Amino acid sequence: MTVQVNVYQAKTQLSRLLDQVSAGEDVVIARAGRPVARLIAYSGPTSPRQPGAWRGRVQIAEDFDLLPADLQAAFAGDAQ
Protein backbone atom coordinates (compact mmCIF):
# COMPACT_ATOMS: atom_id res chain seq x y z
CA MET A 1 0.00 0.00 0.00
CA THR A 2 1.24 3.48 -0.80
CA VAL A 3 0.55 6.50 1.39
CA GLN A 4 0.98 10.05 0.09
CA VAL A 5 1.82 12.91 2.45
CA ASN A 6 2.83 16.50 1.90
CA VAL A 7 6.22 17.87 2.89
CA TYR A 8 4.91 19.47 6.08
CA GLN A 9 3.39 16.18 7.23
CA ALA A 10 6.62 14.36 6.39
CA LYS A 11 8.64 16.78 8.50
CA THR A 12 6.32 16.70 11.49
CA GLN A 13 5.52 12.97 11.42
CA LEU A 14 8.78 11.43 10.23
CA SER A 15 9.00 8.87 13.06
CA ARG A 16 5.48 7.60 12.33
CA LEU A 17 6.24 7.45 8.60
CA LEU A 18 9.40 5.45 9.30
CA ASP A 19 7.31 2.99 11.34
CA GLN A 20 4.94 2.63 8.38
CA VAL A 21 7.83 2.04 6.01
CA SER A 22 9.29 -0.55 8.38
CA ALA A 23 5.91 -2.30 8.30
CA GLY A 24 6.15 -2.60 4.51
CA GLU A 25 4.31 0.47 3.24
CA ASP A 26 5.69 2.91 0.69
CA VAL A 27 5.35 6.61 1.47
CA VAL A 28 5.23 9.19 -1.30
CA ILE A 29 6.17 12.73 -0.30
CA ALA A 30 4.45 15.40 -2.37
CA ARG A 31 4.87 19.14 -2.78
CA ALA A 32 1.65 20.94 -3.72
CA GLY A 33 0.07 17.58 -4.50
CA ARG A 34 2.81 16.53 -6.92
CA PRO A 35 4.95 13.53 -5.89
CA VAL A 36 8.63 14.42 -5.49
CA ALA A 37 10.09 11.54 -3.45
CA ARG A 38 9.37 8.03 -2.31
CA LEU A 39 10.31 6.69 1.12
CA ILE A 40 10.87 2.92 1.07
CA ALA A 41 12.43 0.41 3.44
CA TYR A 42 16.19 0.11 3.29
CA SER A 43 17.48 -3.26 2.18
CA GLY A 44 21.15 -3.36 2.99
CA PRO A 45 23.79 -4.64 0.66
CA THR A 46 23.66 -8.28 -0.29
CA SER A 47 26.76 -10.42 -0.28
CA PRO A 48 29.96 -8.81 -1.54
CA ARG A 49 30.67 -9.08 -5.26
CA GLN A 50 33.08 -11.75 -6.35
CA PRO A 51 35.26 -10.54 -9.23
CA GLY A 52 35.37 -13.08 -12.02
CA ALA A 53 32.26 -14.94 -10.84
CA TRP A 54 30.89 -15.05 -14.41
CA ARG A 55 34.17 -16.17 -15.97
CA GLY A 56 33.45 -18.94 -18.47
CA ARG A 57 29.69 -18.27 -18.44
CA VAL A 58 29.61 -15.35 -20.87
CA GLN A 59 30.92 -15.36 -24.39
CA ILE A 60 31.22 -12.26 -26.57
CA ALA A 61 31.04 -12.72 -30.33
CA GLU A 62 34.03 -11.61 -32.36
CA ASP A 63 31.87 -9.10 -34.26
CA PHE A 64 29.89 -7.72 -31.30
CA ASP A 65 30.93 -4.14 -32.05
CA LEU A 66 30.39 -4.16 -35.83
CA LEU A 67 27.40 -2.27 -37.23
CA PRO A 68 25.67 -3.12 -40.49
CA ALA A 69 26.42 -0.47 -43.11
CA ASP A 70 22.82 0.81 -43.25
CA LEU A 71 22.65 1.25 -39.49
CA GLN A 72 26.01 3.00 -39.40
CA ALA A 73 24.78 5.33 -42.16
CA ALA A 74 21.64 6.09 -40.15
CA PHE A 75 23.74 7.13 -37.15
CA ALA A 76 25.83 9.34 -39.41
CA GLY A 77 22.69 10.97 -40.81
CA ASP A 78 23.13 9.46 -44.25
CA ALA A 79 20.07 7.20 -44.11
CA GLN A 80 17.30 7.50 -46.66
PDB file of N, CA and C in Angstrom:
ATOM      1  N   MET A   1       0.845  -1.178   0.000  1.00  0.00           N
ATOM      2  CA  MET A   1       0.000   0.000   0.000  1.00  0.00           C
ATOM      3  C   MET A   1       0.892   1.244   0.000  1.00  0.00           C
ATOM      4  N   THR A   2       0.483   2.239  -0.723  1.00  0.00           N
ATOM      5  CA  THR A   2       1.240   3.483  -0.796  1.00  0.00           C
ATOM      6  C   THR A   2       0.458   4.608  -0.136  1.00  0.00           C
ATOM      7  N   VAL A   3       1.148   5.361   0.700  1.00  0.00           N
ATOM      8  CA  VAL A   3       0.554   6.501   1.386  1.00  0.00           C
ATOM      9  C   VAL A   3       1.204   7.760   0.837  1.00  0.00           C
ATOM     10  N   GLN A   4       0.420   8.788   0.559  1.00  0.00           N
ATOM     11  CA  GLN A   4       0.984  10.054   0.090  1.00  0.00           C
ATOM     12  C   GLN A   4       0.790  11.113   1.159  1.00  0.00           C
ATOM     13  N   VAL A   5       1.874  11.819   1.473  1.00  0.00           N
ATOM     14  CA  VAL A   5       1.822  12.907   2.452  1.00  0.00           C
ATOM     15  C   VAL A   5       2.495  14.127   1.852  1.00  0.00           C
ATOM     16  N   ASN A   6       2.164  15.294   2.384  1.00  0.00           N
ATOM     17  CA  ASN A   6       2.833  16.495   1.896  1.00  0.00           C
ATOM     18  C   ASN A   6       4.112  16.715   2.702  1.00  0.00           C
ATOM     19  N   VAL A   7       4.918  17.643   2.270  1.00  0.00           N
ATOM     20  CA  VAL A   7       6.222  17.872   2.889  1.00  0.00           C
ATOM     21  C   VAL A   7       6.074  18.228   4.366  1.00  0.00           C
ATOM     22  N   TYR A   8       5.107  19.074   4.695  1.00  0.00           N
ATOM     23  CA  TYR A   8       4.912  19.470   6.084  1.00  0.00           C
ATOM     24  C   TYR A   8       4.604  18.253   6.958  1.00  0.00           C
ATOM     25  N   GLN A   9       3.710  17.392   6.472  1.00  0.00           N
ATOM     26  CA  GLN A   9       3.393  16.183   7.234  1.00  0.00           C
ATOM     27  C   GLN A   9       4.624  15.299   7.384  1.00  0.00           C
ATOM     28  N   ALA A  10       5.415  15.189   6.333  1.00  0.00           N
ATOM     29  CA  ALA A  10       6.616  14.355   6.393  1.00  0.00           C
ATOM     30  C   ALA A  10       7.591  14.880   7.431  1.00  0.00           C
ATOM     31  N   LYS A  11       7.723  16.202   7.515  1.00  0.00           N
ATOM     32  CA  LYS A  11       8.644  16.781   8.498  1.00  0.00           C
ATOM     33  C   LYS A  11       8.137  16.598   9.919  1.00  0.00           C
ATOM     34  N   THR A  12       6.847  16.762  10.122  1.00  0.00           N
ATOM     35  CA  THR A  12       6.319  16.698  11.485  1.00  0.00           C
ATOM     36  C   THR A  12       6.037  15.279  11.954  1.00  0.00           C
ATOM     37  N   GLN A  13       5.897  14.335  11.032  1.00  0.00           N
ATOM     38  CA  GLN A  13       5.524  12.969  11.415  1.00  0.00           C
ATOM     39  C   GLN A  13       6.522  11.936  10.895  1.00  0.00           C
ATOM     40  N   LEU A  14       7.774  12.314  10.808  1.00  0.00           N
ATOM     41  CA  LEU A  14       8.780  11.430  10.229  1.00  0.00           C
ATOM     42  C   LEU A  14       8.876  10.102  10.973  1.00  0.00           C
ATOM     43  N   SER A  15       8.874  10.121  12.296  1.00  0.00           N
ATOM     44  CA  SER A  15       8.996   8.872  13.057  1.00  0.00           C
ATOM     45  C   SER A  15       7.847   7.921  12.735  1.00  0.00           C
ATOM     46  N   ARG A  16       6.629   8.442  12.640  1.00  0.00           N
ATOM     47  CA  ARG A  16       5.479   7.604  12.330  1.00  0.00           C
ATOM     48  C   ARG A  16       5.597   7.059  10.910  1.00  0.00           C
ATOM     49  N   LEU A  17       6.067   7.892   9.977  1.00  0.00           N
ATOM     50  CA  LEU A  17       6.239   7.446   8.603  1.00  0.00           C
ATOM     51  C   LEU A  17       7.308   6.357   8.511  1.00  0.00           C
ATOM     52  N   LEU A  18       8.371   6.488   9.287  1.00  0.00           N
ATOM     53  CA  LEU A  18       9.403   5.451   9.303  1.00  0.00           C
ATOM     54  C   LEU A  18       8.848   4.139   9.833  1.00  0.00           C
ATOM     55  N   ASP A  19       7.954   4.206  10.832  1.00  0.00           N
ATOM     56  CA  ASP A  19       7.307   2.993  11.337  1.00  0.00           C
ATOM     57  C   ASP A  19       6.467   2.341  10.242  1.00  0.00           C
ATOM     58  N   GLN A  20       5.755   3.162   9.466  1.00  0.00           N
ATOM     59  CA  GLN A  20       4.937   2.634   8.381  1.00  0.00           C
ATOM     60  C   GLN A  20       5.813   1.961   7.321  1.00  0.00           C
ATOM     61  N   VAL A  21       6.926   2.601   7.003  1.00  0.00           N
ATOM     62  CA  VAL A  21       7.834   2.040   6.012  1.00  0.00           C
ATOM     63  C   VAL A  21       8.418   0.726   6.523  1.00  0.00           C
ATOM     64  N   SER A  22       8.757   0.681   7.798  1.00  0.00           N
ATOM     65  CA  SER A  22       9.286  -0.549   8.384  1.00  0.00           C
ATOM     66  C   SER A  22       8.266  -1.669   8.336  1.00  0.00           C
ATOM     67  N   ALA A  23       6.982  -1.312   8.360  1.00  0.00           N
ATOM     68  CA  ALA A  23       5.909  -2.296   8.300  1.00  0.00           C
ATOM     69  C   ALA A  23       5.602  -2.727   6.871  1.00  0.00           C
ATOM     70  N   GLY A  24       6.308  -2.167   5.888  1.00  0.00           N
ATOM     71  CA  GLY A  24       6.146  -2.600   4.514  1.00  0.00           C
ATOM     72  C   GLY A  24       5.422  -1.638   3.596  1.00  0.00           C
ATOM     73  N   GLU A  25       5.013  -0.492   4.084  1.00  0.00           N
ATOM     74  CA  GLU A  25       4.314   0.472   3.241  1.00  0.00           C
ATOM     75  C   GLU A  25       5.324   1.381   2.535  1.00  0.00           C
ATOM     76  N   ASP A  26       4.921   1.873   1.375  1.00  0.00           N
ATOM     77  CA  ASP A  26       5.686   2.906   0.687  1.00  0.00           C
ATOM     78  C   ASP A  26       5.039   4.245   1.010  1.00  0.00           C
ATOM     79  N   VAL A  27       5.862   5.276   1.183  1.00  0.00           N
ATOM     80  CA  VAL A  27       5.347   6.611   1.470  1.00  0.00           C
ATOM     81  C   VAL A  27       5.838   7.545   0.368  1.00  0.00           C
ATOM     82  N   VAL A  28       4.900   8.217  -0.271  1.00  0.00           N
ATOM     83  CA  VAL A  28       5.231   9.189  -1.301  1.00  0.00           C
ATOM     84  C   VAL A  28       5.123  10.575  -0.682  1.00  0.00           C
ATOM     85  N   ILE A  29       6.162  11.373  -0.823  1.00  0.00           N
ATOM     86  CA  ILE A  29       6.172  12.733  -0.297  1.00  0.00           C
ATOM     87  C   ILE A  29       5.902  13.672  -1.462  1.00  0.00           C
ATOM     88  N   ALA A  30       4.885  14.514  -1.284  1.00  0.00           N
ATOM     89  CA  ALA A  30       4.454  15.398  -2.368  1.00  0.00           C
ATOM     90  C   ALA A  30       4.609  16.854  -1.964  1.00  0.00           C
ATOM     91  N   ARG A  31       4.831  17.688  -2.978  1.00  0.00           N
ATOM     92  CA  ARG A  31       4.870  19.137  -2.782  1.00  0.00           C
ATOM     93  C   ARG A  31       3.750  19.706  -3.654  1.00  0.00           C
ATOM     94  N   ALA A  32       2.813  20.381  -3.015  1.00  0.00           N
ATOM     95  CA  ALA A  32       1.650  20.939  -3.720  1.00  0.00           C
ATOM     96  C   ALA A  32       0.895  19.859  -4.486  1.00  0.00           C
ATOM     97  N   GLY A  33       0.822  18.669  -3.889  1.00  0.00           N
ATOM     98  CA  GLY A  33       0.073  17.580  -4.499  1.00  0.00           C
ATOM     99  C   GLY A  33       0.810  16.803  -5.566  1.00  0.00           C
ATOM    100  N   ARG A  34       2.033  17.209  -5.897  1.00  0.00           N
ATOM    101  CA  ARG A  34       2.814  16.525  -6.924  1.00  0.00           C
ATOM    102  C   ARG A  34       3.905  15.695  -6.256  1.00  0.00           C
ATOM    103  N   PRO A  35       3.935  14.395  -6.496  1.00  0.00           N
ATOM    104  CA  PRO A  35       4.949  13.535  -5.886  1.00  0.00           C
ATOM    105  C   PRO A  35       6.364  13.973  -6.260  1.00  0.00           C
ATOM    106  N   VAL A  36       7.227  14.048  -5.243  1.00  0.00           N
ATOM    107  CA  VAL A  36       8.627  14.417  -5.492  1.00  0.00           C
ATOM    108  C   VAL A  36       9.617  13.383  -4.947  1.00  0.00           C
ATOM    109  N   ALA A  37       9.174  12.533  -4.027  1.00  0.00           N
ATOM    110  CA  ALA A  37      10.088  11.544  -3.455  1.00  0.00           C
ATOM    111  C   ALA A  37       9.299  10.349  -2.954  1.00  0.00           C
ATOM    112  N   ARG A  38      10.001   9.226  -2.834  1.00  0.00           N
ATOM    113  CA  ARG A  38       9.371   8.027  -2.308  1.00  0.00           C
ATOM    114  C   ARG A  38      10.233   7.486  -1.183  1.00  0.00           C
ATOM    115  N   LEU A  39       9.625   7.221  -0.053  1.00  0.00           N
ATOM    116  CA  LEU A  39      10.307   6.688   1.120  1.00  0.00           C
ATOM    117  C   LEU A  39      10.007   5.198   1.169  1.00  0.00           C
ATOM    118  N   ILE A  40      11.053   4.371   1.051  1.00  0.00           N
ATOM    119  CA  ILE A  40      10.873   2.923   1.073  1.00  0.00           C
ATOM    120  C   ILE A  40      11.836   2.320   2.090  1.00  0.00           C
ATOM    121  N   ALA A  41      11.581   1.082   2.458  1.00  0.00           N
ATOM    122  CA  ALA A  41      12.433   0.405   3.436  1.00  0.00           C
ATOM    123  C   ALA A  41      13.827   0.189   2.856  1.00  0.00           C
ATOM    124  N   TYR A  42      14.805   0.319   3.693  1.00  0.00           N
ATOM    125  CA  TYR A  42      16.192   0.106   3.292  1.00  0.00           C
ATOM    126  C   TYR A  42      16.485  -1.383   3.304  1.00  0.00           C
ATOM    127  N   SER A  43      17.027  -1.867   2.204  1.00  0.00           N
ATOM    128  CA  SER A  43      17.481  -3.258   2.175  1.00  0.00           C
ATOM    129  C   SER A  43      18.984  -3.205   1.965  1.00  0.00           C
ATOM    130  N   GLY A  44      19.702  -3.487   2.993  1.00  0.00           N
ATOM    131  CA  GLY A  44      21.150  -3.359   2.987  1.00  0.00           C
ATOM    132  C   GLY A  44      21.803  -4.137   1.873  1.00  0.00           C
ATOM    133  N   PRO A  45      23.087  -3.964   1.737  1.00  0.00           N
ATOM    134  CA  PRO A  45      23.794  -4.640   0.657  1.00  0.00           C
ATOM    135  C   PRO A  45      23.699  -6.157   0.815  1.00  0.00           C
ATOM    136  N   THR A  46      23.670  -6.829  -0.314  1.00  0.00           N
ATOM    137  CA  THR A  46      23.663  -8.281  -0.287  1.00  0.00           C
ATOM    138  C   THR A  46      25.092  -8.755  -0.069  1.00  0.00           C
ATOM    139  N   SER A  47      25.404  -9.929  -0.479  1.00  0.00           N
ATOM    140  CA  SER A  47      26.760 -10.421  -0.284  1.00  0.00           C
ATOM    141  C   SER A  47      27.734  -9.634  -1.157  1.00  0.00           C
ATOM    142  N   PRO A  48      28.978  -9.549  -0.752  1.00  0.00           N
ATOM    143  CA  PRO A  48      29.960  -8.807  -1.540  1.00  0.00           C
ATOM    144  C   PRO A  48      30.141  -9.436  -2.918  1.00  0.00           C
ATOM    145  N   ARG A  49      30.438  -8.586  -3.904  1.00  0.00           N
ATOM    146  CA  ARG A  49      30.669  -9.078  -5.259  1.00  0.00           C
ATOM    147  C   ARG A  49      31.945  -9.911  -5.317  1.00  0.00           C
ATOM    148  N   GLN A  50      31.908 -10.913  -6.152  1.00  0.00           N
ATOM    149  CA  GLN A  50      33.079 -11.751  -6.353  1.00  0.00           C
ATOM    150  C   GLN A  50      33.619 -11.505  -7.764  1.00  0.00           C
ATOM    151  N   PRO A  51      34.720 -10.784  -7.893  1.00  0.00           N
ATOM    152  CA  PRO A  51      35.263 -10.535  -9.229  1.00  0.00           C
ATOM    153  C   PRO A  51      35.535 -11.854  -9.957  1.00  0.00           C
ATOM    154  N   GLY A  52      35.127 -11.891 -11.204  1.00  0.00           N
ATOM    155  CA  GLY A  52      35.368 -13.078 -12.023  1.00  0.00           C
ATOM    156  C   GLY A  52      34.344 -14.176 -11.838  1.00  0.00           C
ATOM    157  N   ALA A  53      33.249 -13.904 -11.113  1.00  0.00           N
ATOM    158  CA  ALA A  53      32.262 -14.941 -10.840  1.00  0.00           C
ATOM    159  C   ALA A  53      31.593 -15.449 -12.116  1.00  0.00           C
ATOM    160  N   TRP A  54      31.528 -14.641 -13.152  1.00  0.00           N
ATOM    161  CA  TRP A  54      30.887 -15.046 -14.411  1.00  0.00           C
ATOM    162  C   TRP A  54      31.907 -15.552 -15.437  1.00  0.00           C
ATOM    163  N   ARG A  55      33.142 -15.697 -15.050  1.00  0.00           N
ATOM    164  CA  ARG A  55      34.170 -16.174 -15.974  1.00  0.00           C
ATOM    165  C   ARG A  55      33.762 -17.547 -16.517  1.00  0.00           C
ATOM    166  N   GLY A  56      33.814 -17.681 -17.833  1.00  0.00           N
ATOM    167  CA  GLY A  56      33.453 -18.941 -18.469  1.00  0.00           C
ATOM    168  C   GLY A  56      31.967 -19.084 -18.753  1.00  0.00           C
ATOM    169  N   ARG A  57      31.131 -18.209 -18.222  1.00  0.00           N
ATOM    170  CA  ARG A  57      29.685 -18.274 -18.438  1.00  0.00           C
ATOM    171  C   ARG A  57      29.222 -17.364 -19.572  1.00  0.00           C
ATOM    172  N   VAL A  58      30.003 -16.334 -19.867  1.00  0.00           N
ATOM    173  CA  VAL A  58      29.609 -15.349 -20.873  1.00  0.00           C
ATOM    174  C   VAL A  58      30.603 -15.389 -22.010  1.00  0.00           C
ATOM    175  N   GLN A  59      30.058 -15.406 -23.221  1.00  0.00           N
ATOM    176  CA  GLN A  59      30.923 -15.355 -24.392  1.00  0.00           C
ATOM    177  C   GLN A  59      30.508 -14.163 -25.238  1.00  0.00           C
ATOM    178  N   ILE A  60      31.472 -13.431 -25.735  1.00  0.00           N
ATOM    179  CA  ILE A  60      31.216 -12.262 -26.574  1.00  0.00           C
ATOM    180  C   ILE A  60      31.645 -12.610 -27.994  1.00  0.00           C
ATOM    181  N   ALA A  61      30.741 -12.408 -28.934  1.00  0.00           N
ATOM    182  CA  ALA A  61      31.039 -12.718 -30.334  1.00  0.00           C
ATOM    183  C   ALA A  61      32.164 -11.835 -30.833  1.00  0.00           C
ATOM    184  N   GLU A  62      32.913 -12.352 -31.785  1.00  0.00           N
ATOM    185  CA  GLU A  62      34.034 -11.610 -32.355  1.00  0.00           C
ATOM    186  C   GLU A  62      33.572 -10.295 -32.987  1.00  0.00           C
ATOM    187  N   ASP A  63      32.360 -10.283 -33.548  1.00  0.00           N
ATOM    188  CA  ASP A  63      31.871  -9.103 -34.262  1.00  0.00           C
ATOM    189  C   ASP A  63      30.845  -8.302 -33.451  1.00  0.00           C
ATOM    190  N   PHE A  64      30.909  -8.363 -32.130  1.00  0.00           N
ATOM    191  CA  PHE A  64      29.890  -7.716 -31.300  1.00  0.00           C
ATOM    192  C   PHE A  64      29.836  -6.201 -31.490  1.00  0.00           C
ATOM    193  N   ASP A  65      30.906  -5.592 -31.914  1.00  0.00           N
ATOM    194  CA  ASP A  65      30.928  -4.136 -32.051  1.00  0.00           C
ATOM    195  C   ASP A  65      30.823  -3.654 -33.501  1.00  0.00           C
ATOM    196  N   LEU A  66      30.534  -4.548 -34.429  1.00  0.00           N
ATOM    197  CA  LEU A  66      30.385  -4.157 -35.832  1.00  0.00           C
ATOM    198  C   LEU A  66      28.928  -3.791 -36.108  1.00  0.00           C
ATOM    199  N   LEU A  67      28.745  -2.701 -36.839  1.00  0.00           N
ATOM    200  CA  LEU A  67      27.402  -2.272 -37.229  1.00  0.00           C
ATOM    201  C   LEU A  67      27.186  -2.572 -38.707  1.00  0.00           C
ATOM    202  N   PRO A  68      25.971  -3.005 -39.065  1.00  0.00           N
ATOM    203  CA  PRO A  68      25.668  -3.124 -40.491  1.00  0.00           C
ATOM    204  C   PRO A  68      25.808  -1.743 -41.147  1.00  0.00           C
ATOM    205  N   ALA A  69      26.157  -1.725 -42.408  1.00  0.00           N
ATOM    206  CA  ALA A  69      26.424  -0.465 -43.110  1.00  0.00           C
ATOM    207  C   ALA A  69      25.228   0.476 -43.080  1.00  0.00           C
ATOM    208  N   ASP A  70      24.001  -0.060 -43.246  1.00  0.00           N
ATOM    209  CA  ASP A  70      22.825   0.810 -43.250  1.00  0.00           C
ATOM    210  C   ASP A  70      22.569   1.440 -41.883  1.00  0.00           C
ATOM    211  N   LEU A  71      22.838   0.694 -40.828  1.00  0.00           N
ATOM    212  CA  LEU A  71      22.652   1.251 -39.485  1.00  0.00           C
ATOM    213  C   LEU A  71      23.730   2.292 -39.176  1.00  0.00           C
ATOM    214  N   GLN A  72      24.932   2.022 -39.608  1.00  0.00           N
ATOM    215  CA  GLN A  72      26.014   2.996 -39.399  1.00  0.00           C
ATOM    216  C   GLN A  72      25.711   4.290 -40.178  1.00  0.00           C
ATOM    217  N   ALA A  73      25.161   4.158 -41.369  1.00  0.00           N
ATOM    218  CA  ALA A  73      24.785   5.331 -42.161  1.00  0.00           C
ATOM    219  C   ALA A  73      23.673   6.110 -41.467  1.00  0.00           C
ATOM    220  N   ALA A  74      22.737   5.414 -40.856  1.00  0.00           N
ATOM    221  CA  ALA A  74      21.644   6.086 -40.147  1.00  0.00           C
ATOM    222  C   ALA A  74      22.184   6.917 -38.977  1.00  0.00           C
ATOM    223  N   PHE A  75      23.150   6.386 -38.259  1.00  0.00           N
ATOM    224  CA  PHE A  75      23.745   7.126 -37.152  1.00  0.00           C
ATOM    225  C   PHE A  75      24.511   8.345 -37.659  1.00  0.00           C
ATOM    226  N   ALA A  76      25.073   8.237 -38.834  1.00  0.00           N
ATOM    227  CA  ALA A  76      25.833   9.341 -39.410  1.00  0.00           C
ATOM    228  C   ALA A  76      24.930  10.363 -40.097  1.00  0.00           C
ATOM    229  N   GLY A  77      23.620  10.046 -40.178  1.00  0.00           N
ATOM    230  CA  GLY A  77      22.693  10.973 -40.807  1.00  0.00           C
ATOM    231  C   GLY A  77      22.600  10.801 -42.313  1.00  0.00           C
ATOM    232  N   ASP A  78      23.138   9.710 -42.819  1.00  0.00           N
ATOM    233  CA  ASP A  78      23.134   9.459 -44.255  1.00  0.00           C
ATOM    234  C   ASP A  78      22.018   8.512 -44.690  1.00  0.00           C
ATOM    235  N   ALA A  79      21.120   8.166 -43.791  1.00  0.00           N
ATOM    236  CA  ALA A  79      20.065   7.201 -44.114  1.00  0.00           C
ATOM    237  C   ALA A  79      19.014   7.829 -45.007  1.00  0.00           C
ATOM    238  N   GLN A  80      18.356   7.004 -45.763  1.00  0.00           N
ATOM    239  CA  GLN A  80      17.305   7.497 -46.661  1.00  0.00           C
ATOM    240  C   GLN A  80      15.956   7.340 -46.035  1.00  0.00           C
TER     241      GLN A  80
END
